[in-house]
């Protein structure tokens, strides 16, 4: 992923100074926000090759499953709520 990011920046900007500037901005942004957002934390791990890129798909499936299960629990506990309220 790190190589892809570098290749993307080279293709987009071409100039070494711009590439370094954008790479630094991305890394600083990830560092600043990774504790507050799990998706940014996952991006940081993929960027460092700590985690496989496809793990994002697993994470999305788990997130969708949890949301569906929570909705079912709310529907069971509050059967008179409309679908929009759930």
PDB file of N, CA and C in Angstrom:
ATOM      1  N   UNK A   1       0.831  -1.190   0.000  1.00  0.00           N
ATOM      2  CA  UNK A   1       0.000   0.000   0.000  1.00  0.00           C
ATOM      3  C   UNK A   1       0.875   1.252   0.000  1.00  0.00           C
ATOM      4  N   UNK A   2       1.934   1.210   0.755  1.00  0.00           N
ATOM      5  CA  UNK A   2       2.839   2.360   0.804  1.00  0.00           C
ATOM      6  C   UNK A   2       3.386   2.654  -0.592  1.00  0.00           C
ATOM      7  N   UNK A   3       3.759   1.600  -1.313  1.00  0.00           N
ATOM      8  CA  UNK A   3       4.276   1.761  -2.672  1.00  0.00           C
ATOM      9  C   UNK A   3       3.198   2.320  -3.601  1.00  0.00           C
ATOM     10  N   UNK A   4       1.968   1.828  -3.449  1.00  0.00           N
ATOM     11  CA  UNK A   4       0.867   2.337  -4.261  1.00  0.00           C
ATOM     12  C   UNK A   4       0.662   3.833  -4.009  1.00  0.00           C
ATOM     13  N   UNK A   5       0.677   4.226  -2.742  1.00  0.00           N
ATOM     14  CA  UNK A   5       0.494   5.638  -2.393  1.00  0.00           C
ATOM     15  C   UNK A   5       1.587   6.489  -3.028  1.00  0.00           C
ATOM     16  N   UNK A   6       2.814   6.027  -2.927  1.00  0.00           N
ATOM     17  CA  UNK A   6       3.931   6.771  -3.526  1.00  0.00           C
ATOM     18  C   UNK A   6       3.755   6.866  -5.043  1.00  0.00           C
ATOM     19  N   UNK A   7       3.402   5.743  -5.681  1.00  0.00           N
ATOM     20  CA  UNK A   7       3.199   5.733  -7.135  1.00  0.00           C
ATOM     21  C   UNK A   7       2.073   6.686  -7.531  1.00  0.00           C
ATOM     22  N   UNK A   8       0.995   6.678  -6.768  1.00  0.00           N
ATOM     23  CA  UNK A   8      -0.129   7.583  -7.034  1.00  0.00           C
ATOM     24  C   UNK A   8       0.319   9.045  -6.961  1.00  0.00           C
ATOM     25  N   UNK A   9       1.069   9.374  -5.906  1.00  0.00           N
ATOM     26  CA  UNK A   9       1.526  10.758  -5.736  1.00  0.00           C
ATOM     27  C   UNK A   9       2.488  11.164  -6.849  1.00  0.00           C
ATOM     28  N   UNK A  10       3.348  10.257  -7.271  1.00  0.00           N
ATOM     29  CA  UNK A  10       4.266  10.549  -8.380  1.00  0.00           C
ATOM     30  C   UNK A  10       3.478  10.815  -9.652  1.00  0.00           C
ATOM     31  N   UNK A  11       2.472   9.973  -9.910  1.00  0.00           N
ATOM     32  CA  UNK A  11       1.653  10.134 -11.112  1.00  0.00           C
ATOM     33  C   UNK A  11       0.849  11.425 -11.070  1.00  0.00           C
ATOM     34  N   UNK A  12       0.302  11.751  -9.909  1.00  0.00           N
ATOM     35  CA  UNK A  12      -0.559  12.928  -9.787  1.00  0.00           C
ATOM     36  C   UNK A  12       0.228  14.237  -9.799  1.00  0.00           C
ATOM     37  N   UNK A  13       1.356  14.281  -9.056  1.00  0.00           N
ATOM     38  CA  UNK A  13       2.058  15.550  -8.884  1.00  0.00           C
ATOM     39  C   UNK A  13       3.404  15.631  -9.601  1.00  0.00           C
ATOM     40  N   UNK A  14       4.120  14.527  -9.697  1.00  0.00           N
ATOM     41  CA  UNK A  14       5.377  14.529 -10.443  1.00  0.00           C
ATOM     42  C   UNK A  14       6.547  15.208  -9.758  1.00  0.00           C
ATOM     43  N   UNK A  15       6.323  16.341  -9.145  1.00  0.00           N
ATOM     44  CA  UNK A  15       7.400  17.088  -8.493  1.00  0.00           C
ATOM     45  C   UNK A  15       7.707  16.506  -7.118  1.00  0.00           C
ATOM     46  N   UNK A  16       8.979  16.279  -6.865  1.00  0.00           N
ATOM     47  CA  UNK A  16       9.385  15.666  -5.596  1.00  0.00           C
ATOM     48  C   UNK A  16       8.905  16.468  -4.396  1.00  0.00           C
ATOM     49  N   UNK A  17       8.974  17.785  -4.468  1.00  0.00           N
ATOM     50  CA  UNK A  17       8.564  18.613  -3.331  1.00  0.00           C
ATOM     51  C   UNK A  17       7.074  18.443  -3.029  1.00  0.00           C
ATOM     52  N   UNK A  18       6.251  18.359  -4.072  1.00  0.00           N
ATOM     53  CA  UNK A  18       4.813  18.148  -3.868  1.00  0.00           C
ATOM     54  C   UNK A  18       4.525  16.743  -3.348  1.00  0.00           C
ATOM     55  N   UNK A  19       5.258  15.774  -3.842  1.00  0.00           N
ATOM     56  CA  UNK A  19       5.080  14.393  -3.382  1.00  0.00           C
ATOM     57  C   UNK A  19       5.386  14.300  -1.895  1.00  0.00           C
ATOM     58  N   UNK A  20       6.499  14.869  -1.490  1.00  0.00           N
ATOM     59  CA  UNK A  20       6.889  14.845  -0.076  1.00  0.00           C
ATOM     60  C   UNK A  20       5.876  15.606   0.764  1.00  0.00           C
ATOM     61  N   UNK A  21       5.424  16.744   0.275  1.00  0.00           N
ATOM     62  CA  UNK A  21       4.446  17.555   1.011  1.00  0.00           C
ATOM     63  C   UNK A  21       3.141  16.774   1.232  1.00  0.00           C
ATOM     64  N   UNK A  22       2.621  16.146   0.173  1.00  0.00           N
ATOM     65  CA  UNK A  22       1.371  15.398   0.293  1.00  0.00           C
ATOM     66  C   UNK A  22       1.543  14.147   1.143  1.00  0.00           C
ATOM     67  N   UNK A  23       2.648  13.440   0.970  1.00  0.00           N
ATOM     68  CA  UNK A  23       2.892  12.241   1.775  1.00  0.00           C
ATOM     69  C   UNK A  23       2.970  12.610   3.252  1.00  0.00           C
ATOM     70  N   UNK A  24       3.649  13.688   3.557  1.00  0.00           N
ATOM     71  CA  UNK A  24       3.753  14.160   4.933  1.00  0.00           C
ATOM     72  C   UNK A  24       2.390  14.554   5.478  1.00  0.00           C
ATOM     73  N   UNK A  25       1.596  15.245   4.677  1.00  0.00           N
ATOM     74  CA  UNK A  25       0.253  15.655   5.106  1.00  0.00           C
ATOM     75  C   UNK A  25      -0.627  14.437   5.385  1.00  0.00           C
ATOM     76  N   UNK A  26      -0.542  13.426   4.529  1.00  0.00           N
ATOM     77  CA  UNK A  26      -1.346  12.212   4.723  1.00  0.00           C
ATOM     78  C   UNK A  26      -0.932  11.503   6.002  1.00  0.00           C
ATOM     79  N   UNK A  27       0.358  11.325   6.180  1.00  0.00           N
ATOM     80  CA  UNK A  27       0.865  10.633   7.374  1.00  0.00           C
ATOM     81  C   UNK A  27       0.520  11.408   8.642  1.00  0.00           C
ATOM     82  N   UNK A  28       0.687  12.714   8.625  1.00  0.00           N
ATOM     83  CA  UNK A  28       0.334  13.528   9.796  1.00  0.00           C
ATOM     84  C   UNK A  28      -1.159  13.489  10.083  1.00  0.00           C
ATOM     85  N   UNK A  29      -1.959  13.499   9.034  1.00  0.00           N
ATOM     86  CA  UNK A  29      -3.407  13.404   9.211  1.00  0.00           C
ATOM     87  C   UNK A  29      -3.825  12.067   9.808  1.00  0.00           C
ATOM     88  N   UNK A  30      -3.198  11.015   9.341  1.00  0.00           N
ATOM     89  CA  UNK A  30      -3.490   9.686   9.883  1.00  0.00           C
ATOM     90  C   UNK A  30      -3.092   9.628  11.357  1.00  0.00           C
ATOM     91  N   UNK A  31      -1.902  10.110  11.669  1.00  0.00           N
ATOM     92  CA  UNK A  31      -1.453  10.115  13.075  1.00  0.00           C
ATOM     93  C   UNK A  31      -2.386  10.928  13.968  1.00  0.00           C
ATOM     94  N   UNK A  32      -2.854  12.047  13.467  1.00  0.00           N
ATOM     95  CA  UNK A  32      -3.687  12.944  14.267  1.00  0.00           C
ATOM     96  C   UNK A  32      -5.067  12.353  14.559  1.00  0.00           C
ATOM     97  N   UNK A  33      -5.578  11.532  13.651  1.00  0.00           N
ATOM     98  CA  UNK A  33      -6.965  11.077  13.775  1.00  0.00           C
ATOM     99  C   UNK A  33      -7.134   9.577  14.003  1.00  0.00           C
ATOM    100  N   UNK A  34      -6.058   8.819  14.021  1.00  0.00           N
ATOM    101  CA  UNK A  34      -6.199   7.367  14.100  1.00  0.00           C
ATOM    102  C   UNK A  34      -6.760   6.886  15.433  1.00  0.00           C
ATOM    103  N   UNK A  35      -6.562   7.630  16.493  1.00  0.00           N
ATOM    104  CA  UNK A  35      -7.102   7.213  17.785  1.00  0.00           C
ATOM    105  C   UNK A  35      -8.613   7.434  17.870  1.00  0.00           C
ATOM    106  N   UNK A  36      -9.122   8.347  17.074  1.00  0.00           N
ATOM    107  CA  UNK A  36     -10.543   8.684  17.130  1.00  0.00           C
ATOM    108  C   UNK A  36     -11.387   7.898  16.126  1.00  0.00           C
ATOM    109  N   UNK A  37     -10.768   7.312  15.108  1.00  0.00           N
ATOM    110  CA  UNK A  37     -11.531   6.664  14.048  1.00  0.00           C
ATOM    111  C   UNK A  37     -10.897   5.323  13.694  1.00  0.00           C
ATOM    112  N   UNK A  38     -11.664   4.243  13.832  1.00  0.00           N
ATOM    113  CA  UNK A  38     -11.116   2.908  13.569  1.00  0.00           C
ATOM    114  C   UNK A  38     -10.762   2.691  12.107  1.00  0.00           C
ATOM    115  N   UNK A  39     -11.443   3.361  11.194  1.00  0.00           N
ATOM    116  CA  UNK A  39     -11.131   3.193   9.777  1.00  0.00           C
ATOM    117  C   UNK A  39      -9.791   3.832   9.425  1.00  0.00           C
ATOM    118  N   UNK A  40      -9.496   4.953  10.049  1.00  0.00           N
ATOM    119  CA  UNK A  40      -8.196   5.592   9.841  1.00  0.00           C
ATOM    120  C   UNK A  40      -7.098   4.735  10.463  1.00  0.00           C
ATOM    121  N   UNK A  41      -7.390   4.151  11.611  1.00  0.00           N
ATOM    122  CA  UNK A  41      -6.422   3.267  12.256  1.00  0.00           C
ATOM    123  C   UNK A  41      -6.139   2.048  11.365  1.00  0.00           C
ATOM    124  N   UNK A  42      -7.173   1.509  10.752  1.00  0.00           N
ATOM    125  CA  UNK A  42      -6.985   0.392   9.833  1.00  0.00           C
ATOM    126  C   UNK A  42      -6.156   0.835   8.628  1.00  0.00           C
ATOM    127  N   UNK A  43      -6.432   2.003   8.089  1.00  0.00           N
ATOM    128  CA  UNK A  43      -5.653   2.530   6.964  1.00  0.00           C
ATOM    129  C   UNK A  43      -4.182   2.634   7.340  1.00  0.00           C
ATOM    130  N   UNK A  44      -3.897   3.100   8.556  1.00  0.00           N
ATOM    131  CA  UNK A  44      -2.507   3.208   9.019  1.00  0.00           C
ATOM    132  C   UNK A  44      -1.854   1.832   9.070  1.00  0.00           C
ATOM    133  N   UNK A  45      -2.579   0.838   9.545  1.00  0.00           N
ATOM    134  CA  UNK A  45      -2.024  -0.517   9.631  1.00  0.00           C
ATOM    135  C   UNK A  45      -1.789  -1.102   8.239  1.00  0.00           C
ATOM    136  N   UNK A  46      -2.698  -0.846   7.314  1.00  0.00           N
ATOM    137  CA  UNK A  46      -2.511  -1.318   5.941  1.00  0.00           C
ATOM    138  C   UNK A  46      -1.315  -0.611   5.314  1.00  0.00           C
ATOM    139  N   UNK A  47      -1.192   0.673   5.566  1.00  0.00           N
ATOM    140  CA  UNK A  47      -0.090   1.461   5.019  1.00  0.00           C
ATOM    141  C   UNK A  47       1.259   0.944   5.523  1.00  0.00           C
ATOM    142  N   UNK A  48       1.302   0.498   6.764  1.00  0.00           N
ATOM    143  CA  UNK A  48       2.536  -0.033   7.360  1.00  0.00           C
ATOM    144  C   UNK A  48       2.735  -1.527   7.075  1.00  0.00           C
ATOM    145  N   UNK A  49       1.817  -2.118   6.323  1.00  0.00           N
ATOM    146  CA  UNK A  49       1.835  -3.555   6.019  1.00  0.00           C
ATOM    147  C   UNK A  49       1.715  -4.418   7.271  1.00  0.00           C
ATOM    148  N   UNK A  50       1.024  -3.917   8.280  1.00  0.00           N
ATOM    149  CA  UNK A  50       0.750  -4.680   9.499  1.00  0.00           C
ATOM    150  C   UNK A  50      -0.504  -5.515   9.305  1.00  0.00           C
ATOM    151  N   UNK A  51      -1.379  -5.042   8.442  1.00  0.00           N
ATOM    152  CA  UNK A  51      -2.672  -5.680   8.211  1.00  0.00           C
ATOM    153  C   UNK A  51      -2.892  -5.823   6.706  1.00  0.00           C
ATOM    154  N   UNK A  52      -3.545  -6.895   6.306  1.00  0.00           N
ATOM    155  CA  UNK A  52      -3.834  -7.134   4.899  1.00  0.00           C
ATOM    156  C   UNK A  52      -4.886  -6.142   4.400  1.00  0.00           C
ATOM    157  N   UNK A  53      -4.744  -5.710   3.166  1.00  0.00           N
ATOM    158  CA  UNK A  53      -5.684  -4.742   2.586  1.00  0.00           C
ATOM    159  C   UNK A  53      -7.118  -5.271   2.562  1.00  0.00           C
ATOM    160  N   UNK A  54      -7.286  -6.558   2.370  1.00  0.00           N
ATOM    161  CA  UNK A  54      -8.631  -7.137   2.292  1.00  0.00           C
ATOM    162  C   UNK A  54      -9.339  -7.199   3.638  1.00  0.00           C
ATOM    163  N   UNK A  55      -8.628  -6.950   4.718  1.00  0.00           N
ATOM    164  CA  UNK A  55      -9.269  -6.965   6.029  1.00  0.00           C
ATOM    165  C   UNK A  55     -10.356  -5.905   6.117  1.00  0.00           C
ATOM    166  N   UNK A  56     -10.223  -4.848   5.349  1.00  0.00           N
ATOM    167  CA  UNK A  56     -11.239  -3.785   5.319  1.00  0.00           C
ATOM    168  C   UNK A  56     -12.608  -4.358   4.955  1.00  0.00           C
ATOM    169  N   UNK A  57     -12.634  -5.306   4.027  1.00  0.00           N
ATOM    170  CA  UNK A  57     -13.898  -5.920   3.621  1.00  0.00           C
ATOM    171  C   UNK A  57     -14.496  -6.727   4.762  1.00  0.00           C
ATOM    172  N   UNK A  58     -13.657  -7.435   5.498  1.00  0.00           N
ATOM    173  CA  UNK A  58     -14.116  -8.180   6.670  1.00  0.00           C
ATOM    174  C   UNK A  58     -14.677  -7.221   7.706  1.00  0.00           C
ATOM    175  N   UNK A  59     -13.977  -6.126   7.921  1.00  0.00           N
ATOM    176  CA  UNK A  59     -14.425  -5.127   8.894  1.00  0.00           C
ATOM    177  C   UNK A  59     -15.791  -4.557   8.493  1.00  0.00           C
ATOM    178  N   UNK A  60     -15.995  -4.305   7.219  1.00  0.00           N
ATOM    179  CA  UNK A  60     -17.287  -3.782   6.748  1.00  0.00           C
ATOM    180  C   UNK A  60     -18.410  -4.795   6.955  1.00  0.00           C
ATOM    181  N   UNK A  61     -18.127  -6.087   6.695  1.00  0.00           N
ATOM    182  CA  UNK A  61     -19.135  -7.124   6.906  1.00  0.00           C
ATOM    183  C   UNK A  61     -19.513  -7.221   8.382  1.00  0.00           C
ATOM    184  N   UNK A  62     -18.520  -7.155   9.259  1.00  0.00           N
ATOM    185  CA  UNK A  62     -18.788  -7.222  10.701  1.00  0.00           C
ATOM    186  C   UNK A  62     -19.616  -6.019  11.130  1.00  0.00           C
ATOM    187  N   UNK A  63     -19.254  -4.846  10.635  1.00  0.00           N
ATOM    188  CA  UNK A  63     -19.989  -3.624  10.971  1.00  0.00           C
ATOM    189  C   UNK A  63     -21.450  -3.728  10.529  1.00  0.00           C
ATOM    190  N   UNK A  64     -21.680  -4.191   9.311  1.00  0.00           N
ATOM    191  CA  UNK A  64     -23.056  -4.353   8.807  1.00  0.00           C
ATOM    192  C   UNK A  64     -23.833  -5.374   9.633  1.00  0.00           C
ATOM    193  N   UNK A  65     -23.172  -6.462   9.993  1.00  0.00           N
ATOM    194  CA  UNK A  65     -23.819  -7.498  10.801  1.00  0.00           C
ATOM    195  C   UNK A  65     -24.218  -6.965  12.171  1.00  0.00           C
ATOM    196  N   UNK A  66     -23.333  -6.216  12.801  1.00  0.00           N
ATOM    197  CA  UNK A  66     -23.628  -5.641  14.117  1.00  0.00           C
ATOM    198  C   UNK A  66     -24.798  -4.671  14.029  1.00  0.00           C
ATOM    199  N   UNK A  67     -24.831  -3.849  13.003  1.00  0.00           N
ATOM    200  CA  UNK A  67     -25.930  -2.896  12.832  1.00  0.00           C
ATOM    201  C   UNK A  67     -27.261  -3.636  12.648  1.00  0.00           C
ATOM    202  N   UNK A  68     -27.253  -4.683  11.822  1.00  0.00           N
ATOM    203  CA  UNK A  68     -28.482  -5.465  11.611  1.00  0.00           C
ATOM    204  C   UNK A  68     -28.949  -6.110  12.913  1.00  0.00           C
ATOM    205  N   UNK A  69     -28.020  -6.654  13.664  1.00  0.00           N
ATOM    206  CA  UNK A  69     -28.373  -7.303  14.927  1.00  0.00           C
ATOM    207  C   UNK A  69     -28.914  -6.293  15.938  1.00  0.00           C
ATOM    208  N   UNK A  70     -28.319  -5.116  15.973  1.00  0.00           N
ATOM    209  CA  UNK A  70     -28.807  -4.083  16.893  1.00  0.00           C
ATOM    210  C   UNK A  70     -30.218  -3.650  16.521  1.00  0.00           C
ATOM    211  N   UNK A  71     -30.485  -3.524  15.230  1.00  0.00           N
ATOM    212  CA  UNK A  71     -31.830  -3.161  14.781  1.00  0.00           C
ATOM    213  C   UNK A  71     -32.851  -4.224  15.172  1.00  0.00           C
ATOM    214  N   UNK A  72     -32.469  -5.481  15.052  1.00  0.00           N
ATOM    215  CA  UNK A  72     -33.374  -6.570  15.436  1.00  0.00           C
ATOM    216  C   UNK A  72     -33.676  -6.531  16.930  1.00  0.00           C
ATOM    217  N   UNK A  73     -32.668  -6.265  17.741  1.00  0.00           N
ATOM    218  CA  UNK A  73     -32.868  -6.172  19.188  1.00  0.00           C
ATOM    219  C   UNK A  73     -33.810  -5.019  19.521  1.00  0.00           C
ATOM    220  N   UNK A  74     -33.593  -3.878  18.872  1.00  0.00           N
ATOM    221  CA  UNK A  74     -34.455  -2.714  19.120  1.00  0.00           C
ATOM    222  C   UNK A  74     -35.885  -3.019  18.688  1.00  0.00           C
ATOM    223  N   UNK A  75     -36.051  -3.695  17.540  1.00  0.00           N
ATOM    224  CA  UNK A  75     -37.392  -4.056  17.078  1.00  0.00           C
ATOM    225  C   UNK A  75     -38.094  -4.992  18.058  1.00  0.00           C
ATOM    226  N   UNK A  76     -37.332  -5.920  18.636  1.00  0.00           N
ATOM    227  CA  UNK A  76     -37.911  -6.844  19.619  1.00  0.00           C
ATOM    228  C   UNK A  76     -38.284  -6.120  20.907  1.00  0.00           C
ATOM    229  N   UNK A  77     -37.464  -5.200  21.337  1.00  0.00           N
ATOM    230  CA  UNK A  77     -37.710  -4.483  22.595  1.00  0.00           C
ATOM    231  C   UNK A  77     -38.788  -3.425  22.445  1.00  0.00           C
ATOM    232  N   UNK A  78     -38.882  -2.843  21.241  1.00  0.00           N
ATOM    233  CA  UNK A  78     -39.839  -1.761  20.988  1.00  0.00           C
ATOM    234  C   UNK A  78     -40.612  -2.042  19.715  1.00  0.00           C
ATOM    235  N   UNK A  79     -41.541  -2.981  19.753  1.00  0.00           N
ATOM    236  CA  UNK A  79     -42.250  -3.393  18.529  1.00  0.00           C
ATOM    237  C   UNK A  79     -43.143  -2.309  17.913  1.00  0.00           C
ATOM    238  N   UNK A  80     -43.495  -1.297  18.686  1.00  0.00           N
ATOM    239  CA  UNK A  80     -44.371  -0.251  18.158  1.00  0.00           C
ATOM    240  C   UNK A  80     -43.616   0.857  17.411  1.00  0.00           C
ATOM    241  N   UNK A  81     -42.282   0.830  17.489  1.00  0.00           N
ATOM    242  CA  UNK A  81     -41.481   1.831  16.764  1.00  0.00           C
ATOM    243  C   UNK A  81     -41.561   1.579  15.273  1.00  0.00           C
ATOM    244  N   UNK A  82     -41.584   2.666  14.535  1.00  0.00           N
ATOM    245  CA  UNK A  82     -41.600   2.513  13.060  1.00  0.00           C
ATOM    246  C   UNK A  82     -40.202   2.117  12.569  1.00  0.00           C
ATOM    247  N   UNK A  83     -40.147   1.649  11.341  1.00  0.00           N
ATOM    248  CA  UNK A  83     -38.867   1.233  10.749  1.00  0.00           C
ATOM    249  C   UNK A  83     -37.889   2.407  10.705  1.00  0.00           C
ATOM    250  N   UNK A  84     -38.387   3.584  10.413  1.00  0.00           N
ATOM    251  CA  UNK A  84     -37.524   4.764  10.346  1.00  0.00           C
ATOM    252  C   UNK A  84     -36.943   5.120  11.711  1.00  0.00           C
ATOM    253  N   UNK A  85     -37.738   4.940  12.774  1.00  0.00           N
ATOM    254  CA  UNK A  85     -37.266   5.246  14.126  1.00  0.00           C
ATOM    255  C   UNK A  85     -36.209   4.249  14.589  1.00  0.00           C
ATOM    256  N   UNK A  86     -36.348   3.010  14.152  1.00  0.00           N
ATOM    257  CA  UNK A  86     -35.379   1.983  14.534  1.00  0.00           C
ATOM    258  C   UNK A  86     -34.066   2.321  13.877  1.00  0.00           C
TER     259      UNK A  86
END
